[in-house]
Amino acid sequence: MSKSDWVTTSVLCAALGISTKHVWKLRNEGLLKQGQHWRNIARPQAARPTYRWHLKRCEKAIETPQELR
């Protein structure tokens, strides 16, 4: 897995043509799973998380028809 597979939230949104609000909704609903689709790369003592998203996996999950999710 190359480092470029993991992108920032803004890059993910631009590539998929969706809003950050929609990304958080998909994450909170459980479609995008921690470790597989997203990860927090911030240090444990950081005040705020820093997310990275696996672009190809997120794209595949979003393109899956809702009845097959």
PDB file of N, CA and C in Angstrom:
ATOM      1  N   MET A   1       0.843  -1.167   0.000  1.00  0.00           N
ATOM      2  CA  MET A   1       0.000   0.000   0.000  1.00  0.00           C
ATOM      3  C   MET A   1       0.891   1.234   0.000  1.00  0.00           C
ATOM      4  N   SER A   2       0.651   2.095  -0.939  1.00  0.00           N
ATOM      5  CA  SER A   2       1.484   3.292  -1.014  1.00  0.00           C
ATOM      6  C   SER A   2       0.911   4.390  -0.116  1.00  0.00           C
ATOM      7  N   LYS A   3       1.761   5.311   0.247  1.00  0.00           N
ATOM      8  CA  LYS A   3       1.357   6.408   1.112  1.00  0.00           C
ATOM      9  C   LYS A   3       0.285   7.267   0.444  1.00  0.00           C
ATOM     10  N   SER A   4       0.300   7.349  -0.871  1.00  0.00           N
ATOM     11  CA  SER A   4      -0.654   8.191  -1.589  1.00  0.00           C
ATOM     12  C   SER A   4      -2.065   7.610  -1.609  1.00  0.00           C
ATOM     13  N   ASP A   5      -2.242   6.358  -1.173  1.00  0.00           N
ATOM     14  CA  ASP A   5      -3.583   5.787  -1.087  1.00  0.00           C
ATOM     15  C   ASP A   5      -4.398   6.466   0.007  1.00  0.00           C
ATOM     16  N   TRP A   6      -3.721   7.026   1.004  1.00  0.00           N
ATOM     17  CA  TRP A   6      -4.378   7.689   2.127  1.00  0.00           C
ATOM     18  C   TRP A   6      -4.341   9.193   1.893  1.00  0.00           C
ATOM     19  N   VAL A   7      -5.518   9.816   1.840  1.00  0.00           N
ATOM     20  CA  VAL A   7      -5.628  11.239   1.499  1.00  0.00           C
ATOM     21  C   VAL A   7      -6.352  12.009   2.603  1.00  0.00           C
ATOM     22  N   THR A   8      -6.245  13.315   2.549  1.00  0.00           N
ATOM     23  CA  THR A   8      -6.928  14.182   3.506  1.00  0.00           C
ATOM     24  C   THR A   8      -8.427  14.208   3.208  1.00  0.00           C
ATOM     25  N   THR A   9      -9.178  14.729   4.143  1.00  0.00           N
ATOM     26  CA  THR A   9     -10.627  14.826   3.978  1.00  0.00           C
ATOM     27  C   THR A   9     -10.981  15.698   2.777  1.00  0.00           C
ATOM     28  N   SER A  10     -10.287  16.801   2.602  1.00  0.00           N
ATOM     29  CA  SER A  10     -10.596  17.697   1.482  1.00  0.00           C
ATOM     30  C   SER A  10     -10.302  17.043   0.137  1.00  0.00           C
ATOM     31  N   VAL A  11      -9.225  16.279   0.050  1.00  0.00           N
ATOM     32  CA  VAL A  11      -8.898  15.578  -1.199  1.00  0.00           C
ATOM     33  C   VAL A  11      -9.942  14.496  -1.473  1.00  0.00           C
ATOM     34  N   LEU A  12     -10.345  13.767  -0.439  1.00  0.00           N
ATOM     35  CA  LEU A  12     -11.376  12.734  -0.583  1.00  0.00           C
ATOM     36  C   LEU A  12     -12.667  13.334  -1.122  1.00  0.00           C
ATOM     37  N   CYS A  13     -13.097  14.431  -0.508  1.00  0.00           N
ATOM     38  CA  CYS A  13     -14.345  15.079  -0.922  1.00  0.00           C
ATOM     39  C   CYS A  13     -14.277  15.569  -2.363  1.00  0.00           C
ATOM     40  N   ALA A  14     -13.170  16.162  -2.734  1.00  0.00           N
ATOM     41  CA  ALA A  14     -13.010  16.654  -4.105  1.00  0.00           C
ATOM     42  C   ALA A  14     -13.016  15.495  -5.108  1.00  0.00           C
ATOM     43  N   ALA A  15     -12.335  14.410  -4.777  1.00  0.00           N
ATOM     44  CA  ALA A  15     -12.251  13.267  -5.686  1.00  0.00           C
ATOM     45  C   ALA A  15     -13.601  12.572  -5.855  1.00  0.00           C
ATOM     46  N   LEU A  16     -14.371  12.497  -4.777  1.00  0.00           N
ATOM     47  CA  LEU A  16     -15.649  11.797  -4.839  1.00  0.00           C
ATOM     48  C   LEU A  16     -16.824  12.712  -5.166  1.00  0.00           C
ATOM     49  N   GLY A  17     -16.592  14.013  -5.121  1.00  0.00           N
ATOM     50  CA  GLY A  17     -17.651  14.972  -5.421  1.00  0.00           C
ATOM     51  C   GLY A  17     -18.725  15.026  -4.348  1.00  0.00           C
ATOM     52  N   ILE A  18     -18.316  14.873  -3.087  1.00  0.00           N
ATOM     53  CA  ILE A  18     -19.261  14.931  -1.972  1.00  0.00           C
ATOM     54  C   ILE A  18     -18.763  15.940  -0.940  1.00  0.00           C
ATOM     55  N   SER A  19     -19.639  16.331  -0.048  1.00  0.00           N
ATOM     56  CA  SER A  19     -19.279  17.307   0.980  1.00  0.00           C
ATOM     57  C   SER A  19     -18.665  16.617   2.190  1.00  0.00           C
ATOM     58  N   THR A  20     -17.984  17.399   3.003  1.00  0.00           N
ATOM     59  CA  THR A  20     -17.428  16.843   4.237  1.00  0.00           C
ATOM     60  C   THR A  20     -18.559  16.376   5.153  1.00  0.00           C
ATOM     61  N   LYS A  21     -19.655  17.072   5.141  1.00  0.00           N
ATOM     62  CA  LYS A  21     -20.817  16.691   5.947  1.00  0.00           C
ATOM     63  C   LYS A  21     -21.300  15.290   5.558  1.00  0.00           C
ATOM     64  N   HIS A  22     -21.308  15.009   4.264  1.00  0.00           N
ATOM     65  CA  HIS A  22     -21.740  13.692   3.778  1.00  0.00           C
ATOM     66  C   HIS A  22     -20.739  12.608   4.183  1.00  0.00           C
ATOM     67  N   VAL A  23     -19.454  12.923   4.160  1.00  0.00           N
ATOM     68  CA  VAL A  23     -18.425  11.961   4.584  1.00  0.00           C
ATOM     69  C   VAL A  23     -18.644  11.588   6.044  1.00  0.00           C
ATOM     70  N   TRP A  24     -18.871  12.585   6.909  1.00  0.00           N
ATOM     71  CA  TRP A  24     -19.088  12.303   8.332  1.00  0.00           C
ATOM     72  C   TRP A  24     -20.353  11.488   8.535  1.00  0.00           C
ATOM     73  N   LYS A  25     -21.382  11.767   7.728  1.00  0.00           N
ATOM     74  CA  LYS A  25     -22.623  11.004   7.827  1.00  0.00           C
ATOM     75  C   LYS A  25     -22.367   9.530   7.489  1.00  0.00           C
ATOM     76  N   LEU A  26     -21.631   9.273   6.418  1.00  0.00           N
ATOM     77  CA  LEU A  26     -21.315   7.895   6.030  1.00  0.00           C
ATOM     78  C   LEU A  26     -20.471   7.199   7.094  1.00  0.00           C
ATOM     79  N   ARG A  27     -19.564   7.933   7.681  1.00  0.00           N
ATOM     80  CA  ARG A  27     -18.727   7.377   8.743  1.00  0.00           C
ATOM     81  C   ARG A  27     -19.566   7.049   9.971  1.00  0.00           C
ATOM     82  N   ASN A  28     -20.421   7.971  10.381  1.00  0.00           N
ATOM     83  CA  ASN A  28     -21.255   7.769  11.566  1.00  0.00           C
ATOM     84  C   ASN A  28     -22.285   6.659  11.378  1.00  0.00           C
ATOM     85  N   GLU A  29     -22.730   6.452  10.147  1.00  0.00           N
ATOM     86  CA  GLU A  29     -23.685   5.378   9.851  1.00  0.00           C
ATOM     87  C   GLU A  29     -23.004   4.010   9.792  1.00  0.00           C
ATOM     88  N   GLY A  30     -21.669   3.994   9.762  1.00  0.00           N
ATOM     89  CA  GLY A  30     -20.942   2.736   9.756  1.00  0.00           C
ATOM     90  C   GLY A  30     -20.534   2.230   8.388  1.00  0.00           C
ATOM     91  N   LEU A  31     -20.849   2.968   7.333  1.00  0.00           N
ATOM     92  CA  LEU A  31     -20.435   2.538   5.997  1.00  0.00           C
ATOM     93  C   LEU A  31     -18.919   2.636   5.845  1.00  0.00           C
ATOM     94  N   LEU A  32     -18.345   3.714   6.345  1.00  0.00           N
ATOM     95  CA  LEU A  32     -16.894   3.887   6.304  1.00  0.00           C
ATOM     96  C   LEU A  32     -16.332   3.513   7.673  1.00  0.00           C
ATOM     97  N   LYS A  33     -15.530   2.464   7.699  1.00  0.00           N
ATOM     98  CA  LYS A  33     -15.058   1.879   8.953  1.00  0.00           C
ATOM     99  C   LYS A  33     -13.620   2.268   9.279  1.00  0.00           C
ATOM    100  N   GLN A  34     -13.379   2.431  10.578  1.00  0.00           N
ATOM    101  CA  GLN A  34     -12.034   2.770  11.045  1.00  0.00           C
ATOM    102  C   GLN A  34     -11.068   1.632  10.719  1.00  0.00           C
ATOM    103  N   GLY A  35      -9.886   1.998  10.261  1.00  0.00           N
ATOM    104  CA  GLY A  35      -8.854   1.021   9.921  1.00  0.00           C
ATOM    105  C   GLY A  35      -8.934   0.553   8.483  1.00  0.00           C
ATOM    106  N   GLN A  36     -10.133   0.495   7.945  1.00  0.00           N
ATOM    107  CA  GLN A  36     -10.310   0.075   6.560  1.00  0.00           C
ATOM    108  C   GLN A  36     -10.475   1.284   5.638  1.00  0.00           C
ATOM    109  N   HIS A  37     -11.339   2.202   6.017  1.00  0.00           N
ATOM    110  CA  HIS A  37     -11.623   3.369   5.184  1.00  0.00           C
ATOM    111  C   HIS A  37     -10.991   4.649   5.717  1.00  0.00           C
ATOM    112  N   TRP A  38     -10.842   4.746   7.012  1.00  0.00           N
ATOM    113  CA  TRP A  38     -10.261   5.955   7.611  1.00  0.00           C
ATOM    114  C   TRP A  38      -9.408   5.585   8.810  1.00  0.00           C
ATOM    115  N   ARG A  39      -8.520   6.521   9.152  1.00  0.00           N
ATOM    116  CA  ARG A  39      -7.683   6.358  10.338  1.00  0.00           C
ATOM    117  C   ARG A  39      -7.311   7.737  10.871  1.00  0.00           C
ATOM    118  N   ASN A  40      -6.990   7.754  12.147  1.00  0.00           N
ATOM    119  CA  ASN A  40      -6.573   8.982  12.815  1.00  0.00           C
ATOM    120  C   ASN A  40      -5.053   8.914  12.945  1.00  0.00           C
ATOM    121  N   ILE A  41      -4.348   9.860  12.337  1.00  0.00           N
ATOM    122  CA  ILE A  41      -2.883   9.832  12.361  1.00  0.00           C
ATOM    123  C   ILE A  41      -2.295  10.803  13.380  1.00  0.00           C
ATOM    124  N   ALA A  42      -3.163  11.449  14.158  1.00  0.00           N
ATOM    125  CA  ALA A  42      -2.679  12.398  15.170  1.00  0.00           C
ATOM    126  C   ALA A  42      -2.016  11.655  16.324  1.00  0.00           C
ATOM    127  N   ARG A  43      -1.104  12.343  16.988  1.00  0.00           N
ATOM    128  CA  ARG A  43      -0.481  11.772  18.179  1.00  0.00           C
ATOM    129  C   ARG A  43      -1.543  11.603  19.260  1.00  0.00           C
ATOM    130  N   PRO A  44      -1.383  10.628  20.142  1.00  0.00           N
ATOM    131  CA  PRO A  44      -2.388  10.386  21.194  1.00  0.00           C
ATOM    132  C   PRO A  44      -2.684  11.607  22.069  1.00  0.00           C
ATOM    133  N   GLN A  45      -1.709  12.447  22.306  1.00  0.00           N
ATOM    134  CA  GLN A  45      -1.924  13.611  23.159  1.00  0.00           C
ATOM    135  C   GLN A  45      -2.473  14.825  22.393  1.00  0.00           C
ATOM    136  N   ALA A  46      -2.700  14.701  21.111  1.00  0.00           N
ATOM    137  CA  ALA A  46      -3.213  15.815  20.307  1.00  0.00           C
ATOM    138  C   ALA A  46      -4.630  16.184  20.735  1.00  0.00           C
ATOM    139  N   ALA A  47      -4.928  17.458  20.679  1.00  0.00           N
ATOM    140  CA  ALA A  47      -6.247  17.951  21.077  1.00  0.00           C
ATOM    141  C   ALA A  47      -7.325  17.583  20.060  1.00  0.00           C
ATOM    142  N   ARG A  48      -6.918  17.491  18.788  1.00  0.00           N
ATOM    143  CA  ARG A  48      -7.883  17.191  17.723  1.00  0.00           C
ATOM    144  C   ARG A  48      -7.352  16.056  16.864  1.00  0.00           C
ATOM    145  N   PRO A  49      -8.245  15.229  16.325  1.00  0.00           N
ATOM    146  CA  PRO A  49      -7.806  14.150  15.444  1.00  0.00           C
ATOM    147  C   PRO A  49      -7.384  14.677  14.076  1.00  0.00           C
ATOM    148  N   THR A  50      -6.558  13.929  13.405  1.00  0.00           N
ATOM    149  CA  THR A  50      -6.163  14.214  12.032  1.00  0.00           C
ATOM    150  C   THR A  50      -6.490  12.970  11.221  1.00  0.00           C
ATOM    151  N   TYR A  51      -7.492  13.076  10.361  1.00  0.00           N
ATOM    152  CA  TYR A  51      -7.973  11.909   9.633  1.00  0.00           C
ATOM    153  C   TYR A  51      -7.310  11.759   8.270  1.00  0.00           C
ATOM    154  N   ARG A  52      -7.128  10.526   7.887  1.00  0.00           N
ATOM    155  CA  ARG A  52      -6.717  10.166   6.531  1.00  0.00           C
ATOM    156  C   ARG A  52      -7.699   9.107   6.042  1.00  0.00           C
ATOM    157  N   TRP A  53      -8.017   9.186   4.770  1.00  0.00           N
ATOM    158  CA  TRP A  53      -9.028   8.329   4.159  1.00  0.00           C
ATOM    159  C   TRP A  53      -8.395   7.528   3.027  1.00  0.00           C
ATOM    160  N   HIS A  54      -8.772   6.257   2.920  1.00  0.00           N
ATOM    161  CA  HIS A  54      -8.279   5.424   1.821  1.00  0.00           C
ATOM    162  C   HIS A  54      -9.220   5.662   0.638  1.00  0.00           C
ATOM    163  N   LEU A  55      -8.736   6.405  -0.323  1.00  0.00           N
ATOM    164  CA  LEU A  55      -9.570   6.878  -1.425  1.00  0.00           C
ATOM    165  C   LEU A  55     -10.236   5.737  -2.187  1.00  0.00           C
ATOM    166  N   LYS A  56      -9.486   4.742  -2.589  1.00  0.00           N
ATOM    167  CA  LYS A  56     -10.042   3.652  -3.405  1.00  0.00           C
ATOM    168  C   LYS A  56     -11.087   2.849  -2.637  1.00  0.00           C
ATOM    169  N   ARG A  57     -10.816   2.568  -1.372  1.00  0.00           N
ATOM    170  CA  ARG A  57     -11.772   1.801  -0.562  1.00  0.00           C
ATOM    171  C   ARG A  57     -13.049   2.600  -0.297  1.00  0.00           C
ATOM    172  N   CYS A  58     -12.899   3.895  -0.033  1.00  0.00           N
ATOM    173  CA  CYS A  58     -14.068   4.742   0.193  1.00  0.00           C
ATOM    174  C   CYS A  58     -14.918   4.827  -1.063  1.00  0.00           C
ATOM    175  N   GLU A  59     -14.255   4.989  -2.190  1.00  0.00           N
ATOM    176  CA  GLU A  59     -14.966   5.067  -3.469  1.00  0.00           C
ATOM    177  C   GLU A  59     -15.753   3.785  -3.714  1.00  0.00           C
ATOM    178  N   LYS A  60     -15.135   2.650  -3.471  1.00  0.00           N
ATOM    179  CA  LYS A  60     -15.796   1.362  -3.684  1.00  0.00           C
ATOM    180  C   LYS A  60     -16.988   1.203  -2.746  1.00  0.00           C
ATOM    181  N   ALA A  61     -16.822   1.588  -1.483  1.00  0.00           N
ATOM    182  CA  ALA A  61     -17.914   1.473  -0.508  1.00  0.00           C
ATOM    183  C   ALA A  61     -19.097   2.352  -0.895  1.00  0.00           C
ATOM    184  N   ILE A  62     -18.814   3.556  -1.340  1.00  0.00           N
ATOM    185  CA  ILE A  62     -19.878   4.491  -1.704  1.00  0.00           C
ATOM    186  C   ILE A  62     -20.597   4.043  -2.970  1.00  0.00           C
ATOM    187  N   GLU A  63     -19.880   3.426  -3.903  1.00  0.00           N
ATOM    188  CA  GLU A  63     -20.484   2.979  -5.161  1.00  0.00           C
ATOM    189  C   GLU A  63     -21.308   1.699  -5.004  1.00  0.00           C
ATOM    190  N   THR A  64     -21.137   0.991  -3.895  1.00  0.00           N
ATOM    191  CA  THR A  64     -21.895  -0.236  -3.653  1.00  0.00           C
ATOM    192  C   THR A  64     -23.372   0.126  -3.478  1.00  0.00           C
ATOM    193  N   PRO A  65     -24.256  -0.542  -4.219  1.00  0.00           N
ATOM    194  CA  PRO A  65     -25.692  -0.239  -4.068  1.00  0.00           C
ATOM    195  C   PRO A  65     -26.143  -0.413  -2.619  1.00  0.00           C
ATOM    196  N   GLN A  66     -27.057   0.419  -2.190  1.00  0.00           N
ATOM    197  CA  GLN A  66     -27.472   0.449  -0.796  1.00  0.00           C
ATOM    198  C   GLN A  66     -28.014  -0.893  -0.312  1.00  0.00           C
ATOM    199  N   GLU A  67     -28.698  -1.641  -1.170  1.00  0.00           N
ATOM    200  CA  GLU A  67     -29.260  -2.924  -0.760  1.00  0.00           C
ATOM    201  C   GLU A  67     -28.183  -4.000  -0.553  1.00  0.00           C
ATOM    202  N   LEU A  68     -26.964  -3.767  -1.038  1.00  0.00           N
ATOM    203  CA  LEU A  68     -25.870  -4.729  -0.876  1.00  0.00           C
ATOM    204  C   LEU A  68     -24.895  -4.333   0.234  1.00  0.00           C
ATOM    205  N   ARG A  69     -25.121  -3.220   0.898  1.00  0.00           N
ATOM    206  CA  ARG A  69     -24.218  -2.747   1.946  1.00  0.00           C
ATOM    207  C   ARG A  69     -24.369  -3.540   3.214  1.00  0.00           C
TER     208      ARG A  69
END
